[in-house]
């Protein structure tokens, strides 16, 4: 019997092959990346707790700056000069705020997704998290978007819609949903030349939007890795009592369009929420609420420290409250403080260290570290040959 007569033959796969080809065409045309096949089921229940790996690297806020994002991965030895994964079995946690303040947000999302799949093949893992700017954008709050950010999404969605038109010509594929459905054609308080960019950004990032569902729905909002808990803003005892797994599942469901409406759950909104909290982030150590931190940590068995982004640390990565709160947002994006990339490294055999690209440390590290607040941490400075050099840091 021929394949034409047998619907279970090779011809049954042609529509799905065409759909995959169109998706790859759109990805490469819009962002210059071919993404390998993603084996993860779309509605998989998120994992919240992970065993402590041999090597754990934490990376702070990226805010639309692709080159600084790559530099952060490079100084940690996680990618080579061709942006391929070289981190082996290392685990990476990026604590959110990929979006806003820069014009390469989509390129970073694609870059991180590519690395996730490369890392999996090498026994490594990359966890991406929701920051307050991911939550804001899914809600349609674009206060911190710049013109380039609107243009990048408009170009991407133009190609995405063209891909949908190509798919609609193929018999055997469901008619693609119009991503612009229900979105106004104009906005009263927005300049007319920004209308199309705003519409594209809403379409891509609203709950169940193609970018929100494909990338942001895979983010965690809180993660426990060994003896560290990661969160963008901070955790209070009330959040932990509510349930870390519950938070991750509910936020993922909201972004995927499976629960709730336009707005995020309450624990992601407001000054005391998990993505906005700053009680442990003030650069003046005496202003940090160490008692609230101790209370929160004591309710998560086996956890010694909280690692967070959100608040720029002009002195670089540092710890307060006896290093039980480690702040890793160094404002590296050109849209923020244009800071030197730094990342945090935790190894099973040698504890917590900082890896920095700051040339001041290379020239005369001891003179610069006396008052920098990196209390009890160890600093790793990659020299020219990219082999980390260890420098003790004294409070």
Protein backbone atom coordinates (compact mmCIF):
# COMPACT_ATOMS: atom_id res chain seq x y z
CA UNK A 1 0.00 0.00 0.00
CA UNK A 2 1.40 3.45 -0.92
CA UNK A 3 1.89 6.22 1.62
CA UNK A 4 -0.86 8.16 -0.20
CA UNK A 5 -3.31 5.37 0.57
CA UNK A 6 -1.95 4.80 4.06
CA UNK A 7 -2.55 7.83 6.31
CA UNK A 8 -0.20 6.36 8.93
CA UNK A 9 2.71 6.45 6.47
CA UNK A 10 5.42 9.08 6.09
CA UNK A 11 3.02 11.69 4.70
CA UNK A 12 1.32 12.12 8.07
CA UNK A 13 4.48 13.79 9.39
CA UNK A 14 4.74 16.38 6.61
CA UNK A 15 2.55 19.07 8.27
CA UNK A 16 4.55 18.91 11.50
CA UNK A 17 7.82 19.00 9.57
CA UNK A 18 6.63 22.07 7.69
CA UNK A 19 5.59 23.72 10.97
CA UNK A 20 9.02 23.04 12.50
CA UNK A 21 10.76 24.38 9.40
CA UNK A 22 8.69 27.59 9.51
CA UNK A 23 9.46 28.06 13.24
CA UNK A 24 13.19 27.61 12.58
CA UNK A 25 12.98 30.08 9.67
CA UNK A 26 11.31 32.69 11.90
CA UNK A 27 13.81 32.12 14.74
CA UNK A 28 16.84 32.55 12.51
CA UNK A 29 15.48 35.48 10.52
CA UNK A 30 14.41 37.44 13.61
CA UNK A 31 17.19 36.53 16.08
CA UNK A 32 19.94 34.74 14.15
CA UNK A 33 19.67 31.48 16.12
CA UNK A 34 18.53 27.97 15.22
CA UNK A 35 17.17 26.46 18.42
CA UNK A 36 17.64 22.71 18.88
CA UNK A 37 14.52 20.65 19.51
CA UNK A 38 13.13 21.24 23.01
CA UNK A 39 12.32 17.90 24.68
CA UNK A 40 10.53 19.53 27.66
CA UNK A 41 6.73 19.14 27.72
CA UNK A 42 5.03 22.57 27.65
CA UNK A 43 2.88 21.99 30.76
CA UNK A 44 5.44 20.10 32.85
CA UNK A 45 5.15 20.81 36.59
CA UNK A 46 8.11 23.08 37.50
CA UNK A 47 10.85 21.66 39.69
CA UNK A 48 11.64 23.96 42.63
CA UNK A 49 14.33 22.13 44.62
CA UNK A 50 17.64 20.83 43.25
CA UNK A 51 20.60 18.97 44.69
CA UNK A 52 23.76 21.02 45.20
CA UNK A 53 25.94 20.62 42.09
CA UNK A 54 29.72 20.47 42.04
CA UNK A 55 29.73 23.96 40.55
CA UNK A 56 26.95 26.54 40.76
CA UNK A 57 27.10 29.94 39.03
CA UNK A 58 24.63 32.77 39.72
CA UNK A 59 24.19 35.64 37.26
CA UNK A 60 22.35 38.87 37.99
CA UNK A 61 20.09 41.19 36.00
CA UNK A 62 20.81 41.42 32.24
CA UNK A 63 18.32 44.08 31.06
CA UNK A 64 18.50 43.83 27.30
CA UNK A 65 22.31 43.96 26.92
CA UNK A 66 23.36 40.91 24.91
CA UNK A 67 27.10 41.58 24.87
CA UNK A 68 27.32 42.09 28.64
CA UNK A 69 25.21 38.94 29.09
CA UNK A 70 27.69 36.93 27.02
CA UNK A 71 30.61 38.48 28.89
CA UNK A 72 29.13 37.33 32.20
CA UNK A 73 28.98 33.77 30.87
CA UNK A 74 32.51 34.02 29.43
CA UNK A 75 34.26 35.23 32.59
CA UNK A 76 32.77 32.21 34.36
CA UNK A 77 34.13 29.87 31.67
CA UNK A 78 30.62 28.82 30.63
CA UNK A 79 30.85 29.67 26.90
CA UNK A 80 33.64 29.94 24.34
CA UNK A 81 34.37 32.71 21.84
CA UNK A 82 31.70 31.25 19.53
CA UNK A 83 29.08 31.36 22.30
CA UNK A 84 28.95 27.57 22.66
CA UNK A 85 28.44 25.98 26.08
CA UNK A 86 31.73 24.98 27.73
CA UNK A 87 30.47 24.75 31.31
CA UNK A 88 30.26 20.95 31.41
CA UNK A 89 28.09 19.81 34.31
CA UNK A 90 27.84 23.25 35.95
CA UNK A 91 24.47 24.63 37.01
CA UNK A 92 23.66 28.29 36.27
CA UNK A 93 20.92 30.38 37.87
CA UNK A 94 20.02 33.68 36.18
CA UNK A 95 17.87 35.59 38.66
CA UNK A 96 15.62 37.45 36.20
CA UNK A 97 15.23 40.91 34.66
CA UNK A 98 16.24 40.00 31.14
CA UNK A 99 13.57 42.44 29.90
CA UNK A 100 13.50 46.28 29.72
CA UNK A 101 16.14 49.02 29.56
CA UNK A 102 17.85 47.55 26.47
CA UNK A 103 17.12 46.68 22.85
CA UNK A 104 18.28 43.05 22.70
CA UNK A 105 15.81 41.38 25.04
CA UNK A 106 14.58 38.77 22.55
CA UNK A 107 18.13 37.97 21.49
CA UNK A 108 19.02 37.26 25.14
CA UNK A 109 15.94 35.02 25.56
CA UNK A 110 16.99 33.04 22.48
CA UNK A 111 20.63 32.96 23.63
CA UNK A 112 19.66 31.57 27.05
CA UNK A 113 17.31 29.02 25.49
CA UNK A 114 20.05 27.81 23.15
CA UNK A 115 22.48 27.46 26.07
CA UNK A 116 19.89 25.57 28.12
CA UNK A 117 19.71 22.84 25.51
CA UNK A 118 23.48 22.73 24.97
CA UNK A 119 24.05 22.51 28.72
CA UNK A 120 21.55 19.64 29.08
CA UNK A 121 23.51 17.62 26.51
CA UNK A 122 26.69 18.10 28.59
CA UNK A 123 25.07 17.23 31.92
CA UNK A 124 24.74 20.88 32.96
CA UNK A 125 21.67 22.96 33.67
CA UNK A 126 20.53 26.58 33.32
CA UNK A 127 17.68 27.89 35.44
CA UNK A 128 16.10 31.20 34.41
CA UNK A 129 13.92 33.16 36.80
CA UNK A 130 11.22 35.80 36.78
CA UNK A 131 12.20 39.28 37.86
CA UNK A 132 9.85 42.18 38.46
CA UNK A 133 10.39 43.30 34.86
CA UNK A 134 9.20 39.97 33.45
CA UNK A 135 6.07 40.24 35.61
CA UNK A 136 5.51 43.87 34.58
CA UNK A 137 5.79 43.10 30.88
CA UNK A 138 3.40 40.15 31.01
CA UNK A 139 0.96 42.52 32.75
CA UNK A 140 1.47 45.09 29.96
CA UNK A 141 3.45 47.57 32.08
CA UNK A 142 6.05 48.99 29.67
CA UNK A 143 7.36 51.94 31.71
CA UNK A 144 10.98 50.83 31.31
CA UNK A 145 10.89 49.80 27.64
CA UNK A 146 13.03 51.82 25.25
CA UNK A 147 12.48 52.50 21.53
CA UNK A 148 14.86 49.73 20.46
CA UNK A 149 12.95 47.28 22.64
CA UNK A 150 9.70 48.13 20.87
CA UNK A 151 11.35 47.82 17.46
CA UNK A 152 12.88 44.41 18.25
CA UNK A 153 9.48 42.98 19.19
CA UNK A 154 7.79 44.56 16.17
CA UNK A 155 10.30 42.98 13.78
CA UNK A 156 9.99 39.60 15.51
CA UNK A 157 6.20 39.62 15.41
CA UNK A 158 6.16 40.62 11.74
CA UNK A 159 8.16 37.50 10.94
CA UNK A 160 6.06 35.41 13.33
CA UNK A 161 2.85 36.50 11.56
CA UNK A 162 4.42 35.70 8.19
CA UNK A 163 5.26 32.24 9.53
CA UNK A 164 1.64 31.81 10.62
CA UNK A 165 0.47 32.69 7.10
CA UNK A 166 2.82 30.05 5.69
CA UNK A 167 1.46 27.46 8.14
CA UNK A 168 -2.15 28.34 7.25
CA UNK A 169 -1.47 27.24 3.67
CA UNK A 170 -0.60 23.72 4.82
CA UNK A 171 -3.47 21.25 5.00
CA UNK A 172 -3.26 19.24 8.20
CA UNK A 173 -2.22 22.11 10.48
CA UNK A 174 -4.65 23.97 12.70
CA UNK A 175 -5.20 27.58 11.73
CA UNK A 176 -2.78 29.66 13.85
CA UNK A 177 -4.30 32.04 16.39
CA UNK A 178 -4.02 35.73 15.54
CA UNK A 179 -1.54 37.10 18.14
CA UNK A 180 -3.10 40.59 17.84
CA UNK A 181 -6.61 39.43 18.70
CA UNK A 182 -8.29 41.84 21.13
CA UNK A 183 -5.47 44.41 21.13
CA UNK A 184 -6.46 48.04 20.39
CA UNK A 185 -5.17 49.70 17.23
CA UNK A 186 -4.14 52.85 19.13
CA UNK A 187 -3.48 54.06 22.68
CA UNK A 188 -4.50 57.49 24.00
CA UNK A 189 -1.29 58.38 25.86
CA UNK A 190 1.28 56.84 23.51
CA UNK A 191 2.97 58.53 20.55
CA UNK A 192 1.55 57.32 17.22
CA UNK A 193 4.98 56.17 15.99
CA UNK A 194 5.10 53.71 18.93
CA UNK A 195 1.65 52.15 18.38
CA UNK A 196 2.86 49.17 16.35
CA UNK A 197 5.75 48.41 18.69
CA UNK A 198 3.49 48.53 21.74
CA UNK A 199 0.88 46.32 20.06
CA UNK A 200 3.59 43.79 19.11
CA UNK A 201 5.00 43.75 22.63
CA UNK A 202 1.57 43.22 24.18
CA UNK A 203 0.81 40.43 21.70
CA UNK A 204 4.10 38.64 22.36
CA UNK A 205 4.27 38.99 26.15
CA UNK A 206 0.70 38.94 27.50
CA UNK A 207 -0.44 35.71 29.20
CA UNK A 208 -0.39 32.95 26.57
CA UNK A 209 1.42 35.26 24.12
CA UNK A 210 3.95 33.41 21.93
CA UNK A 211 7.07 34.77 23.67
CA UNK A 212 5.56 34.57 27.16
CA UNK A 213 4.45 30.99 26.65
CA UNK A 214 7.58 29.81 24.86
CA UNK A 215 10.22 31.39 27.09
CA UNK A 216 8.90 33.10 30.23
CA UNK A 217 6.55 30.27 31.23
CA UNK A 218 9.65 28.12 31.78
CA UNK A 219 11.07 30.54 34.33
CA UNK A 220 11.04 29.79 38.04
CA UNK A 221 10.05 32.47 40.53
CA UNK A 222 11.93 30.86 43.42
CA UNK A 223 14.50 28.04 43.41
CA UNK A 224 16.29 26.09 46.14
CA UNK A 225 19.65 24.72 45.01
CA UNK A 226 21.49 22.84 47.74
CA UNK A 227 21.92 25.22 50.67
CA UNK A 228 21.00 28.39 48.69
CA UNK A 229 17.58 29.84 47.87
CA UNK A 230 17.35 32.07 44.80
CA UNK A 231 14.75 34.79 44.25
CA UNK A 232 14.76 38.06 42.34
CA UNK A 233 13.74 40.44 45.14
CA UNK A 234 13.57 38.48 48.38
CA UNK A 235 11.52 36.02 50.41
CA UNK A 236 9.66 36.60 53.64
CA UNK A 237 8.42 33.87 55.97
CA UNK A 238 4.87 34.43 54.69
CA UNK A 239 5.94 33.56 51.13
CA UNK A 240 7.60 30.35 52.27
CA UNK A 241 4.57 29.43 54.35
CA UNK A 242 2.39 29.93 51.25
CA UNK A 243 4.56 27.34 49.46
CA UNK A 244 7.51 27.72 47.11
CA UNK A 245 6.29 24.99 44.76
CA UNK A 246 2.84 26.58 44.79
CA UNK A 247 4.31 29.97 43.82
CA UNK A 248 6.21 28.49 40.87
CA UNK A 249 3.23 26.52 39.62
CA UNK A 250 0.80 29.43 39.90
CA UNK A 251 3.06 31.97 38.19
CA UNK A 252 3.82 29.54 35.39
CA UNK A 253 0.12 28.86 34.95
CA UNK A 254 -0.63 32.59 34.83
CA UNK A 255 2.04 33.30 32.20
CA UNK A 256 0.85 30.33 30.12
CA UNK A 257 -2.71 31.67 30.19
CA UNK A 258 -4.03 28.69 32.16
CA UNK A 259 -5.12 30.62 35.25
CA UNK A 260 -5.90 34.16 36.32
CA UNK A 261 -6.29 37.20 34.10
CA UNK A 262 -4.08 40.10 33.16
CA UNK A 263 -2.44 40.57 36.56
CA UNK A 264 0.07 38.38 38.38
CA UNK A 265 -0.69 36.71 41.74
CA UNK A 266 -0.52 39.07 44.73
CA UNK A 267 2.85 37.76 45.99
CA UNK A 268 4.40 39.12 42.75
CA UNK A 269 2.94 42.61 43.17
CA UNK A 270 3.84 45.38 45.61
CA UNK A 271 6.89 46.34 47.67
CA UNK A 272 6.89 43.22 49.85
CA UNK A 273 6.46 40.78 46.96
CA UNK A 274 9.01 38.16 45.96
CA UNK A 275 10.14 40.12 42.89
CA UNK A 276 10.07 43.65 44.38
CA UNK A 277 11.32 43.21 47.97
CA UNK A 278 14.37 45.28 48.97
CA UNK A 279 14.57 44.54 52.72
CA UNK A 280 17.87 42.68 52.26
CA UNK A 281 19.31 44.71 49.34
CA UNK A 282 20.23 48.13 50.71
CA UNK A 283 23.93 48.84 50.13
CA UNK A 284 24.07 50.16 53.70
CA UNK A 285 24.28 46.92 55.65
CA UNK A 286 22.73 48.35 58.82
CA UNK A 287 19.52 49.12 56.89
CA UNK A 288 18.97 45.47 55.96
CA UNK A 289 16.39 43.53 57.99
CA UNK A 290 18.56 40.64 59.12
CA UNK A 291 15.98 39.36 61.60
CA UNK A 292 13.38 38.94 58.82
CA UNK A 293 16.03 37.20 56.73
CA UNK A 294 16.93 34.81 59.56
CA UNK A 295 13.25 34.05 60.10
CA UNK A 296 12.70 33.27 56.43
CA UNK A 297 15.81 31.09 56.06
CA UNK A 298 14.97 29.13 59.20
CA UNK A 299 11.76 27.93 57.56
CA UNK A 300 13.53 26.31 54.58
CA UNK A 301 15.32 23.17 55.80
CA UNK A 302 19.03 23.04 54.95
CA UNK A 303 19.23 26.53 53.44
CA UNK A 304 22.05 28.84 54.61
CA UNK A 305 21.75 31.85 52.31
CA UNK A 306 19.44 33.84 50.06
CA UNK A 307 20.80 35.02 46.69
CA UNK A 308 18.98 37.85 44.93
CA UNK A 309 19.19 40.48 42.20
CA UNK A 310 16.87 43.48 41.65
CA UNK A 311 18.84 46.19 43.47
CA UNK A 312 22.04 47.46 41.83
CA UNK A 313 25.13 47.08 44.01
CA UNK A 314 27.57 49.75 42.87
CA UNK A 315 30.35 48.12 44.91
CA UNK A 316 29.81 44.83 43.08
CA UNK A 317 28.53 41.50 44.37
CA UNK A 318 28.49 41.49 48.17
CA UNK A 319 27.01 39.87 51.23
CA UNK A 320 25.29 41.21 54.35
CA UNK A 321 23.80 39.67 57.48
CA UNK A 322 26.84 37.40 57.93
CA UNK A 323 26.73 36.60 54.20
CA UNK A 324 23.28 35.08 54.54
CA UNK A 325 22.04 37.59 51.97
CA UNK A 326 24.14 37.82 48.81
CA UNK A 327 23.24 40.53 46.29
CA UNK A 328 24.37 39.89 42.71
CA UNK A 329 22.82 42.67 40.58
CA UNK A 330 25.83 44.77 39.51
CA UNK A 331 23.91 46.88 36.97
CA UNK A 332 25.96 45.47 34.11
CA UNK A 333 23.56 46.52 31.33
CA UNK A 334 24.36 49.72 29.45
CA UNK A 335 20.73 50.63 30.11
CA UNK A 336 21.41 50.59 33.87
CA UNK A 337 24.79 51.46 35.40
CA UNK A 338 26.94 49.95 32.61
CA UNK A 339 28.77 48.04 35.34
CA UNK A 340 31.54 45.49 34.92
CA UNK A 341 30.09 41.94 34.74
CA UNK A 342 30.48 39.87 37.87
CA UNK A 343 29.05 36.47 38.72
CA UNK A 344 28.85 34.40 41.90
CA UNK A 345 30.33 30.91 42.03
CA UNK A 346 29.63 28.25 44.66
CA UNK A 347 31.67 25.06 44.62
CA UNK A 348 31.15 22.02 46.80
CA UNK A 349 34.85 21.85 47.64
CA UNK A 350 35.75 25.53 48.08
CA UNK A 351 32.72 27.59 49.04
CA UNK A 352 31.47 30.93 47.71
CA UNK A 353 33.50 33.13 45.35
CA UNK A 354 33.06 36.11 43.05
CA UNK A 355 34.26 36.13 39.45
CA UNK A 356 34.74 39.63 38.08
CA UNK A 357 35.91 41.37 34.91
CA UNK A 358 36.68 44.61 36.78
CA UNK A 359 40.21 45.71 35.79
CA UNK A 360 40.65 47.57 39.10
CA UNK A 361 40.90 44.21 40.85
CA UNK A 362 43.47 42.99 38.35
CA UNK A 363 45.73 46.03 38.74
CA UNK A 364 45.79 46.24 42.53
CA UNK A 365 43.10 44.14 44.15
CA UNK A 366 44.11 44.65 47.77
CA UNK A 367 43.92 48.46 47.62
CA UNK A 368 40.41 48.37 46.17
CA UNK A 369 38.89 45.71 48.38
CA UNK A 370 39.44 47.18 51.81
CA UNK A 371 36.08 48.95 51.95
CA UNK A 372 34.04 47.15 49.30
CA UNK A 373 31.83 45.18 51.68
CA UNK A 374 32.55 41.73 50.20
CA UNK A 375 32.68 40.33 53.72
CA UNK A 376 34.14 36.88 54.04
CA UNK A 377 33.76 36.11 50.34
CA UNK A 378 36.59 35.09 48.04
CA UNK A 379 37.19 36.96 44.79
CA UNK A 380 38.13 35.26 41.53
CA UNK A 381 39.76 37.48 38.92
CA UNK A 382 40.14 36.00 35.43
CA UNK A 383 43.55 37.09 34.05
CA UNK A 384 44.35 37.41 30.35
CA UNK A 385 44.50 33.66 29.79
CA UNK A 386 41.03 33.29 31.39
CA UNK A 387 42.28 31.10 34.22
CA UNK A 388 40.70 32.39 37.45
CA UNK A 389 43.08 33.86 39.99
CA UNK A 390 42.03 33.60 43.63
CA UNK A 391 42.23 36.68 45.86
CA UNK A 392 41.21 36.64 49.52
CA UNK A 393 38.78 39.38 50.46
CA UNK A 394 38.75 40.82 53.98
CA UNK A 395 35.91 42.87 55.41
